[in-house]
Amino acid sequence: MLDTLKEIAWSTRALEAELKALLSACAAELGKVDNRTASLTNIFARRFPGKVSPSEMQGVFRIGRAARHNEPLSPVVARATLAIVRDYRSLIADLTRQQIRH
């Protein structure tokens, strides 16, 4: 039982670290894309219609705030958000390439 609890704790910390790294990368990429745009949701909604729901983006914002303030993340929320952020990271990369071309 103790080994299982240790494994869960380690997995949660590893997941949080990966999520925080992805959020940092997303924020860095977003900064390159469009500093004048006030809303991340608007950027994605304009460029990728139908791919972003406001509730998903609100989840990313909440996790981003938690990551910046070093607050603990629940494993369920972290896993769900990690999946969303991975998808958006590729969208951000595409958007960045488009912006660089203009």
C-alpha atoms as a PDB file:
ATOM      1  CA  MET A   1       0.000   0.000   0.000  1.00  0.00           C
ATOM      2  CA  LEU A   2       2.791   2.414   0.919  1.00  0.00           C
ATOM      3  CA  ASP A   3       4.569   1.722  -2.369  1.00  0.00           C
ATOM      4  CA  THR A   4       1.366   2.489  -4.268  1.00  0.00           C
ATOM      5  CA  LEU A   5       0.928   5.776  -2.425  1.00  0.00           C
ATOM      6  CA  LYS A   6       4.557   6.716  -3.107  1.00  0.00           C
ATOM      7  CA  GLU A   7       4.097   5.915  -6.799  1.00  0.00           C
ATOM      8  CA  ILE A   8       0.938   8.041  -6.984  1.00  0.00           C
ATOM      9  CA  ALA A   9       2.699  10.942  -5.251  1.00  0.00           C
ATOM     10  CA  TRP A  10       5.708  10.674  -7.590  1.00  0.00           C
ATOM     11  CA  SER A  11       3.446  10.493 -10.675  1.00  0.00           C
ATOM     12  CA  THR A  12       1.514  13.554  -9.527  1.00  0.00           C
ATOM     13  CA  ARG A  13       4.698  15.581  -8.995  1.00  0.00           C
ATOM     14  CA  ALA A  14       6.060  14.486 -12.377  1.00  0.00           C
ATOM     15  CA  LEU A  15       2.783  15.415 -14.048  1.00  0.00           C
ATOM     16  CA  GLU A  16       2.745  18.823 -12.366  1.00  0.00           C
ATOM     17  CA  ALA A  17       6.332  19.491 -13.462  1.00  0.00           C
ATOM     18  CA  GLU A  18       5.525  18.540 -17.047  1.00  0.00           C
ATOM     19  CA  LEU A  19       2.385  20.650 -17.035  1.00  0.00           C
ATOM     20  CA  LYS A  20       4.213  23.692 -15.662  1.00  0.00           C
ATOM     21  CA  ALA A  21       6.918  23.311 -18.319  1.00  0.00           C
ATOM     22  CA  LEU A  22       4.306  23.107 -21.071  1.00  0.00           C
ATOM     23  CA  LEU A  23       2.462  26.138 -19.720  1.00  0.00           C
ATOM     24  CA  SER A  24       5.695  28.115 -19.669  1.00  0.00           C
ATOM     25  CA  ALA A  25       6.435  27.103 -23.241  1.00  0.00           C
ATOM     26  CA  CYS A  26       2.906  28.052 -24.305  1.00  0.00           C
ATOM     27  CA  ALA A  27       3.170  31.430 -22.609  1.00  0.00           C
ATOM     28  CA  ALA A  28       6.535  32.086 -24.253  1.00  0.00           C
ATOM     29  CA  GLU A  29       5.181  31.158 -27.670  1.00  0.00           C
ATOM     30  CA  LEU A  30       2.061  33.234 -27.150  1.00  0.00           C
ATOM     31  CA  GLY A  31       4.190  36.252 -26.272  1.00  0.00           C
ATOM     32  CA  LYS A  32       5.843  35.940 -29.684  1.00  0.00           C
ATOM     33  CA  VAL A  33       2.510  35.674 -31.458  1.00  0.00           C
ATOM     34  CA  ASP A  34       0.573  38.796 -30.580  1.00  0.00           C
ATOM     35  CA  ASN A  35       1.307  41.012 -27.599  1.00  0.00           C
ATOM     36  CA  ARG A  36      -1.563  43.353 -28.463  1.00  0.00           C
ATOM     37  CA  THR A  37      -4.292  40.743 -28.110  1.00  0.00           C
ATOM     38  CA  ALA A  38      -5.817  40.823 -24.661  1.00  0.00           C
ATOM     39  CA  SER A  39      -7.476  37.421 -24.689  1.00  0.00           C
ATOM     40  CA  LEU A  40      -5.915  34.053 -25.369  1.00  0.00           C
ATOM     41  CA  THR A  41      -9.354  32.677 -26.111  1.00  0.00           C
ATOM     42  CA  ASN A  42      -9.893  35.303 -28.820  1.00  0.00           C
ATOM     43  CA  ILE A  43      -6.615  34.429 -30.509  1.00  0.00           C
ATOM     44  CA  PHE A  44      -7.521  30.777 -30.796  1.00  0.00           C
ATOM     45  CA  ALA A  45     -11.182  31.395 -31.582  1.00  0.00           C
ATOM     46  CA  ARG A  46     -10.244  33.666 -34.505  1.00  0.00           C
ATOM     47  CA  ARG A  47      -7.508  31.436 -35.894  1.00  0.00           C
ATOM     48  CA  PHE A  48      -8.978  28.041 -35.154  1.00  0.00           C
ATOM     49  CA  PRO A  49     -12.797  28.309 -35.175  1.00  0.00           C
ATOM     50  CA  GLY A  50     -14.506  25.453 -33.388  1.00  0.00           C
ATOM     51  CA  LYS A  51     -11.286  24.163 -31.786  1.00  0.00           C
ATOM     52  CA  VAL A  52     -11.428  26.080 -28.525  1.00  0.00           C
ATOM     53  CA  SER A  53     -14.172  26.174 -25.957  1.00  0.00           C
ATOM     54  CA  PRO A  54     -14.238  28.963 -23.381  1.00  0.00           C
ATOM     55  CA  SER A  55     -14.516  26.423 -20.559  1.00  0.00           C
ATOM     56  CA  GLU A  56     -11.351  24.647 -21.749  1.00  0.00           C
ATOM     57  CA  MET A  57      -9.468  27.926 -21.865  1.00  0.00           C
ATOM     58  CA  GLN A  58     -10.717  28.884 -18.410  1.00  0.00           C
ATOM     59  CA  GLY A  59      -9.308  25.579 -17.168  1.00  0.00           C
ATOM     60  CA  VAL A  60      -5.953  26.426 -18.717  1.00  0.00           C
ATOM     61  CA  PHE A  61      -6.036  29.892 -17.126  1.00  0.00           C
ATOM     62  CA  ARG A  62      -6.765  28.404 -13.680  1.00  0.00           C
ATOM     63  CA  ILE A  63      -3.941  25.898 -14.006  1.00  0.00           C
ATOM     64  CA  GLY A  64      -1.627  28.622 -15.284  1.00  0.00           C
ATOM     65  CA  ARG A  65      -2.327  30.730 -12.215  1.00  0.00           C
ATOM     66  CA  ALA A  66      -1.742  27.739  -9.952  1.00  0.00           C
ATOM     67  CA  ALA A  67       1.549  27.010 -11.724  1.00  0.00           C
ATOM     68  CA  ARG A  68       2.739  30.609 -11.391  1.00  0.00           C
ATOM     69  CA  HIS A  69       1.950  30.645  -7.677  1.00  0.00           C
ATOM     70  CA  ASN A  70       3.328  27.148  -7.071  1.00  0.00           C
ATOM     71  CA  GLU A  71      -0.015  25.878  -5.818  1.00  0.00           C
ATOM     72  CA  PRO A  72      -0.626  22.116  -5.833  1.00  0.00           C
ATOM     73  CA  LEU A  73      -2.714  20.702  -8.674  1.00  0.00           C
ATOM     74  CA  SER A  74      -5.162  17.853  -8.287  1.00  0.00           C
ATOM     75  CA  PRO A  75      -4.082  14.846 -10.406  1.00  0.00           C
ATOM     76  CA  VAL A  76      -7.398  14.729 -12.273  1.00  0.00           C
ATOM     77  CA  VAL A  77      -7.304  18.421 -13.179  1.00  0.00           C
ATOM     78  CA  ALA A  78      -3.627  18.220 -14.064  1.00  0.00           C
ATOM     79  CA  ARG A  79      -4.119  15.274 -16.430  1.00  0.00           C
ATOM     80  CA  ALA A  80      -7.085  16.879 -18.169  1.00  0.00           C
ATOM     81  CA  THR A  81      -5.332  20.209 -18.540  1.00  0.00           C
ATOM     82  CA  LEU A  82      -2.119  18.596 -19.722  1.00  0.00           C
ATOM     83  CA  ALA A  83      -4.025  17.017 -22.604  1.00  0.00           C
ATOM     84  CA  ILE A  84      -5.565  20.388 -23.501  1.00  0.00           C
ATOM     85  CA  VAL A  85      -2.242  22.210 -23.259  1.00  0.00           C
ATOM     86  CA  ARG A  86      -0.507  19.655 -25.476  1.00  0.00           C
ATOM     87  CA  ASP A  87      -3.116  20.259 -28.172  1.00  0.00           C
ATOM     88  CA  TYR A  88      -2.851  24.031 -27.803  1.00  0.00           C
ATOM     89  CA  ARG A  89       0.926  23.947 -27.831  1.00  0.00           C
ATOM     90  CA  SER A  90       0.850  22.638 -31.400  1.00  0.00           C
ATOM     91  CA  LEU A  91      -1.781  25.252 -32.302  1.00  0.00           C
ATOM     92  CA  ILE A  92       0.416  27.979 -30.803  1.00  0.00           C
ATOM     93  CA  ALA A  93       3.385  26.750 -32.832  1.00  0.00           C
ATOM     94  CA  ASP A  94       1.282  26.889 -36.015  1.00  0.00           C
ATOM     95  CA  LEU A  95       0.039  30.349 -35.132  1.00  0.00           C
ATOM     96  CA  THR A  96       3.583  31.530 -34.433  1.00  0.00           C
ATOM     97  CA  ARG A  97       4.760  30.315 -37.836  1.00  0.00           C
ATOM     98  CA  GLN A  98       1.863  32.178 -39.486  1.00  0.00           C
ATOM     99  CA  GLN A  99       2.707  35.396 -37.614  1.00  0.00           C
ATOM    100  CA  ILE A 100       6.388  35.172 -38.533  1.00  0.00           C
ATOM    101  CA  ARG A 101       5.464  34.909 -42.218  1.00  0.00           C
ATOM    102  CA  HIS A 102       3.460  38.174 -42.040  1.00  0.00           C
END
